[in-house]
Structures are given as structure tokens and as C-alpha cells.
Amino acid sequence: MLRELIYLTVGATKKLDKIVEGFIEEGKKEVEDKGLVDIGKEHLSKRKEQIKNIVGDDIKKLADELGLATKEDIEEIKTLLRGKKKEG
């Protein structure tokens, strides 16, 4: 499992590097047309969501492949355990 997490981290890092390089190139073109502050504000919100989605999707995919428990699974187990304590 640790090996898979390391592979995920390396893969996500490489993917993010490519994305950031693309952002930089795109940003260089826009600097000629707009002010830096405006560009920074626009890109910050766009890129934050894009990166969050990319990394989140990779982590969810790996968790599914490894059969890791979700938050919902854990809450269901807690509920079941609470019910057992009351009965016992």
C-alpha cells in the first residue's frame, strides 16, 4: 500500500508539473495584455479548482483500487458499533 501511495505521489507531482508549465506559458501570453494583479486573481481561483479536481480524482481512484474505506464507510461502522454497545 505504501508503494502505491508513493507511486501516486510521484505521478501526481509529474502531472502537476506539466499543468504548471502550461499555466506559466499561458500566463506569459496574457501578461502582455493585462496587469499582473488581475491575471493573478483570475488564475488563482481557476487553477486552485483544477488542481484540486485532478489530485482528488487520482486519490479517489487509488483508494477505490486499494479498497480503502470511505468517510461514509467509517461512519456506518461507527453507527453499527454504537448500536452494538447499546444492546450489550
Protein backbone atom coordinates (compact mmCIF):
# COMPACT_ATOMS: atom_id res chain seq x y z
CA MET A 1 0.00 0.00 0.00
CA LEU A 2 2.84 2.39 0.80
CA ARG A 3 4.36 1.69 -2.59
CA GLU A 4 1.09 2.61 -4.32
CA LEU A 5 0.86 5.84 -2.35
CA ILE A 6 4.44 6.72 -3.33
CA TYR A 7 3.64 5.99 -6.99
CA LEU A 8 0.52 8.13 -6.69
CA THR A 9 2.54 10.99 -5.23
CA VAL A 10 5.19 10.79 -7.95
CA GLY A 11 2.57 10.54 -10.68
CA ALA A 12 0.56 13.42 -9.28
CA THR A 13 3.71 15.53 -8.99
CA LYS A 14 4.63 14.91 -12.62
CA LYS A 15 1.10 15.68 -13.72
CA LEU A 16 1.06 18.89 -11.69
CA ASP A 17 4.46 19.91 -13.11
CA LYS A 18 3.08 19.64 -16.64
CA ILE A 19 -0.02 21.58 -15.67
CA VAL A 20 2.01 24.31 -14.00
CA GLU A 21 4.29 24.59 -17.04
CA GLY A 22 1.21 25.06 -19.21
CA PHE A 23 -0.11 27.68 -16.80
CA ILE A 24 3.18 29.56 -16.96
CA GLU A 25 3.20 29.60 -20.74
CA GLU A 26 -0.41 30.69 -20.84
CA GLY A 27 0.32 33.35 -18.24
CA LYS A 28 3.27 34.74 -20.20
CA LYS A 29 0.98 35.36 -23.15
CA GLU A 30 -1.64 37.07 -21.02
CA VAL A 31 0.85 39.36 -19.27
CA GLU A 32 1.22 41.29 -22.49
CA ASP A 33 -2.50 42.10 -22.47
CA LYS A 34 -3.35 42.56 -18.76
CA GLY A 35 -1.88 43.69 -15.48
CA LEU A 36 -0.19 41.14 -13.24
CA VAL A 37 -2.58 41.61 -10.33
CA ASP A 38 -5.67 40.95 -12.45
CA ILE A 39 -4.08 37.91 -14.02
CA GLY A 40 -3.02 36.54 -10.64
CA LYS A 41 -6.51 36.84 -9.20
CA GLU A 42 -8.13 35.18 -12.19
CA HIS A 43 -5.68 32.32 -12.39
CA LEU A 44 -5.55 31.63 -8.69
CA SER A 45 -9.20 30.70 -8.47
CA LYS A 46 -9.22 28.77 -11.76
CA ARG A 47 -6.08 26.78 -11.08
CA LYS A 48 -6.95 26.01 -7.48
CA GLU A 49 -10.11 24.20 -8.57
CA GLN A 50 -8.40 22.45 -11.48
CA ILE A 51 -5.58 21.10 -9.34
CA LYS A 52 -7.96 20.12 -6.55
CA ASN A 53 -10.06 18.13 -9.00
CA ILE A 54 -7.09 16.43 -10.66
CA VAL A 55 -5.41 15.37 -7.43
CA GLY A 56 -8.71 14.47 -5.79
CA ASP A 57 -9.70 12.24 -8.70
CA ASP A 58 -6.34 10.42 -8.60
CA ILE A 59 -6.60 9.83 -4.86
CA LYS A 60 -10.20 8.61 -5.11
CA LYS A 61 -9.23 6.23 -7.92
CA LEU A 62 -6.35 4.81 -5.89
CA ALA A 63 -8.50 4.47 -2.76
CA ASP A 64 -11.08 2.55 -4.79
CA GLU A 65 -8.42 0.29 -6.30
CA LEU A 66 -6.93 -0.43 -2.88
CA GLY A 67 -10.33 -0.94 -1.30
CA LEU A 68 -9.80 1.75 1.33
CA ALA A 69 -12.71 2.77 3.50
CA THR A 70 -14.50 5.98 2.65
CA LYS A 71 -15.78 8.51 5.18
CA GLU A 72 -19.23 7.06 4.66
CA ASP A 73 -17.94 3.52 5.37
CA ILE A 74 -16.34 4.67 8.61
CA GLU A 75 -19.48 6.50 9.73
CA GLU A 76 -21.56 3.39 9.00
CA ILE A 77 -19.18 1.27 11.10
CA LYS A 78 -19.36 3.79 13.95
CA THR A 79 -23.15 3.69 13.83
CA LEU A 80 -23.16 -0.10 13.89
CA LEU A 81 -20.73 -0.17 16.82
CA ARG A 82 -22.82 2.32 18.78
CA GLY A 83 -25.85 0.09 18.22
CA LYS A 84 -23.96 -2.97 19.46
CA LYS A 85 -22.85 -1.16 22.65
CA LYS A 86 -26.43 -0.26 23.49
CA GLU A 87 -27.55 -3.87 23.02
CA GLY A 88 -24.67 -5.35 25.03
